[in-house]
């Protein structure tokens, strides 16, 4: 039987933690896992046979678009390859190969770094932005769908908790 609505692959991960389900660490970890699952499902939706012909991306490549887009909010001039590699938990050579593939597919662009002639900055192309917006819309739709099980009072309590944690 799934634990807290997640499938059995998560069961072993949380089995030893079950007595501690009320601890803040466990609850935050669960929330992160739930959001990560929503994100993965949003990206996997691009791999259905009709979309795969259009996009032709692996889940990691789709994730790279999302991560790069989020990083660009703080670094609009472009993201250093080493920073993207770190965020993706990849080696720099593996990230470089992935970025090369994404450049070839038209989703990313390498631009010169004005501060270091040896380095480049990574940005999304218009095509990459459009794909991010589609994936993010699916992510939002999934959150909205899942949130329907919450009452108005529960949503207000959740919003209050989020606000407290932000400050």
Foldseek 3Di string as FASTA:
>chain_A
DDDPPDDPVCCVVCVVVVVVCPDPVNVVVVVVVVLVVLLLVLLVVCVDVVNCVVQVDDSLLLVLLLVQVVVCVVVVVAAWLCVSCVVSVHDSVVSVVSLVVCVVSQFKDWAADPVDRVTTGIDGDPVSVVSNVSSVVSSVVVVVVVCVVPDPVRVVVVVVVVVVVVD
